[in-house]
Amino acid sequence: MMSAVLIALPVSRIVGLALGAVIIAAAVLTVLRHREFTHLVPLSVFVAVIALAEISF
């Protein structure tokens, strides 16, 4: 939730995107560790959205 608030505010957008990337990276590593590969699809969508937000900024 904090990441979404930080992304929404223009002043702290970079910090919010970095925090969101760290959270998603931890989730991807957890999914890979537990070999739940079907859960990678939604996570890859979040990775793509964060990447697009970073490029558009």
N, C-alpha and C. Protein backbone atom coordinates (compact mmCIF):
# COMPACT_ATOMS: atom_id res chain seq x y z
N MET A 1 0.82 -1.18 0.00
CA MET A 1 0.00 0.00 0.00
C MET A 1 0.87 1.26 0.00
N MET A 2 1.95 1.22 0.76
CA MET A 2 2.83 2.38 0.84
C MET A 2 3.47 2.67 -0.52
N SER A 3 3.80 1.62 -1.24
CA SER A 3 4.39 1.80 -2.55
C SER A 3 3.42 2.51 -3.50
N ALA A 4 2.15 2.15 -3.44
CA ALA A 4 1.15 2.78 -4.30
C ALA A 4 0.99 4.26 -3.97
N VAL A 5 1.03 4.59 -2.69
CA VAL A 5 0.93 6.00 -2.29
C VAL A 5 2.14 6.77 -2.78
N LEU A 6 3.33 6.17 -2.64
CA LEU A 6 4.54 6.85 -3.09
C LEU A 6 4.56 7.04 -4.61
N ILE A 7 4.05 6.07 -5.35
CA ILE A 7 4.00 6.18 -6.80
C ILE A 7 2.99 7.25 -7.22
N ALA A 8 1.91 7.38 -6.48
CA ALA A 8 0.87 8.35 -6.84
C ALA A 8 1.33 9.79 -6.66
N LEU A 9 2.24 10.02 -5.73
CA LEU A 9 2.72 11.39 -5.49
C LEU A 9 3.91 11.68 -6.40
N PRO A 10 3.84 12.74 -7.19
CA PRO A 10 4.92 13.02 -8.14
C PRO A 10 6.29 13.23 -7.47
N VAL A 11 6.31 13.77 -6.28
CA VAL A 11 7.57 14.05 -5.60
C VAL A 11 8.32 12.77 -5.23
N SER A 12 7.58 11.73 -4.87
CA SER A 12 8.20 10.50 -4.37
C SER A 12 8.02 9.32 -5.34
N ARG A 13 7.77 9.60 -6.60
CA ARG A 13 7.49 8.54 -7.57
C ARG A 13 8.67 7.59 -7.74
N ILE A 14 9.89 8.10 -7.79
CA ILE A 14 11.07 7.25 -7.97
C ILE A 14 11.23 6.29 -6.79
N VAL A 15 11.04 6.80 -5.59
CA VAL A 15 11.15 5.96 -4.39
C VAL A 15 10.06 4.89 -4.40
N GLY A 16 8.86 5.26 -4.79
CA GLY A 16 7.76 4.30 -4.86
C GLY A 16 8.00 3.21 -5.88
N LEU A 17 8.55 3.58 -7.04
CA LEU A 17 8.85 2.59 -8.07
C LEU A 17 9.96 1.64 -7.61
N ALA A 18 10.96 2.18 -6.92
CA ALA A 18 12.03 1.34 -6.40
C ALA A 18 11.50 0.39 -5.33
N LEU A 19 10.66 0.89 -4.45
CA LEU A 19 10.07 0.03 -3.42
C LEU A 19 9.19 -1.05 -4.04
N GLY A 20 8.41 -0.69 -5.04
CA GLY A 20 7.58 -1.67 -5.73
C GLY A 20 8.41 -2.73 -6.44
N ALA A 21 9.53 -2.32 -7.03
CA ALA A 21 10.41 -3.28 -7.70
C ALA A 21 11.02 -4.25 -6.70
N VAL A 22 11.41 -3.76 -5.54
CA VAL A 22 11.97 -4.64 -4.50
C VAL A 22 10.92 -5.64 -4.01
N ILE A 23 9.71 -5.18 -3.82
CA ILE A 23 8.63 -6.06 -3.36
C ILE A 23 8.34 -7.14 -4.39
N ILE A 24 8.24 -6.77 -5.65
CA ILE A 24 7.96 -7.74 -6.71
C ILE A 24 9.13 -8.71 -6.87
N ALA A 25 10.36 -8.22 -6.76
CA ALA A 25 11.53 -9.11 -6.86
C ALA A 25 11.52 -10.14 -5.75
N ALA A 26 11.17 -9.73 -4.54
CA ALA A 26 11.08 -10.67 -3.43
C ALA A 26 9.98 -11.70 -3.67
N ALA A 27 8.87 -11.25 -4.24
CA ALA A 27 7.78 -12.18 -4.54
C ALA A 27 8.19 -13.18 -5.61
N VAL A 28 8.90 -12.73 -6.64
CA VAL A 28 9.36 -13.62 -7.71
C VAL A 28 10.33 -14.66 -7.14
N LEU A 29 11.27 -14.21 -6.32
CA LEU A 29 12.22 -15.15 -5.72
C LEU A 29 11.52 -16.17 -4.83
N THR A 30 10.51 -15.74 -4.09
CA THR A 30 9.76 -16.66 -3.24
C THR A 30 9.01 -17.69 -4.08
N VAL A 31 8.39 -17.24 -5.16
CA VAL A 31 7.66 -18.16 -6.04
C VAL A 31 8.62 -19.17 -6.67
N LEU A 32 9.77 -18.69 -7.12
CA LEU A 32 10.75 -19.60 -7.72
C LEU A 32 11.29 -20.59 -6.69
N ARG A 33 11.50 -20.12 -5.48
CA ARG A 33 12.02 -21.01 -4.43
C ARG A 33 11.05 -22.14 -4.11
N HIS A 34 9.76 -21.83 -4.11
CA HIS A 34 8.75 -22.82 -3.80
C HIS A 34 8.23 -23.55 -5.04
N ARG A 35 8.80 -23.24 -6.19
CA ARG A 35 8.47 -23.89 -7.47
C ARG A 35 6.98 -23.83 -7.81
N GLU A 36 6.40 -22.69 -7.57
CA GLU A 36 5.00 -22.44 -7.94
C GLU A 36 4.98 -21.61 -9.21
N PHE A 37 5.37 -22.22 -10.31
CA PHE A 37 5.60 -21.49 -11.55
C PHE A 37 4.34 -20.88 -12.15
N THR A 38 3.18 -21.39 -11.80
CA THR A 38 1.94 -20.82 -12.34
C THR A 38 1.68 -19.42 -11.77
N HIS A 39 2.30 -19.09 -10.65
CA HIS A 39 2.11 -17.78 -10.05
C HIS A 39 3.04 -16.72 -10.65
N LEU A 40 3.89 -17.12 -11.57
CA LEU A 40 4.80 -16.16 -12.18
C LEU A 40 4.10 -15.25 -13.20
N VAL A 41 2.99 -15.71 -13.74
CA VAL A 41 2.28 -14.92 -14.76
C VAL A 41 1.78 -13.59 -14.19
N PRO A 42 1.06 -13.59 -13.08
CA PRO A 42 0.62 -12.29 -12.54
C PRO A 42 1.80 -11.40 -12.11
N LEU A 43 2.85 -12.02 -11.59
CA LEU A 43 4.01 -11.25 -11.18
C LEU A 43 4.71 -10.61 -12.37
N SER A 44 4.71 -11.32 -13.49
CA SER A 44 5.33 -10.74 -14.69
C SER A 44 4.54 -9.54 -15.20
N VAL A 45 3.24 -9.55 -14.99
CA VAL A 45 2.42 -8.39 -15.36
C VAL A 45 2.82 -7.18 -14.51
N PHE A 46 3.02 -7.40 -13.21
CA PHE A 46 3.44 -6.31 -12.34
C PHE A 46 4.83 -5.80 -12.72
N VAL A 47 5.71 -6.69 -13.10
CA VAL A 47 7.05 -6.28 -13.53
C VAL A 47 6.95 -5.41 -14.78
N ALA A 48 6.10 -5.81 -15.71
CA ALA A 48 5.91 -5.03 -16.94
C ALA A 48 5.32 -3.65 -16.65
N VAL A 49 4.37 -3.59 -15.74
CA VAL A 49 3.75 -2.31 -15.41
C VAL A 49 4.75 -1.38 -14.72
N ILE A 50 5.56 -1.92 -13.82
CA ILE A 50 6.58 -1.11 -13.17
C ILE A 50 7.60 -0.62 -14.19
N ALA A 51 7.99 -1.49 -15.12
CA ALA A 51 8.95 -1.09 -16.15
C ALA A 51 8.37 0.01 -17.04
N LEU A 52 7.10 -0.11 -17.41
CA LEU A 52 6.47 0.93 -18.21
C LEU A 52 6.35 2.25 -17.46
N ALA A 53 6.07 2.17 -16.17
CA ALA A 53 5.99 3.38 -15.37
C ALA A 53 7.35 4.05 -15.26
N GLU A 54 8.40 3.25 -15.14
CA GLU A 54 9.74 3.81 -15.05
C GLU A 54 10.16 4.45 -16.37
N ILE A 55 9.80 3.83 -17.49
CA ILE A 55 10.15 4.38 -18.80
C ILE A 55 9.38 5.67 -19.07
N SER A 56 8.13 5.70 -18.68
CA SER A 56 7.31 6.88 -18.96
C SER A 56 7.68 8.07 -18.08
N PHE A 57 8.37 7.81 -16.99
CA PHE A 57 8.78 8.90 -16.11
C PHE A 57 10.05 9.47 -16.64
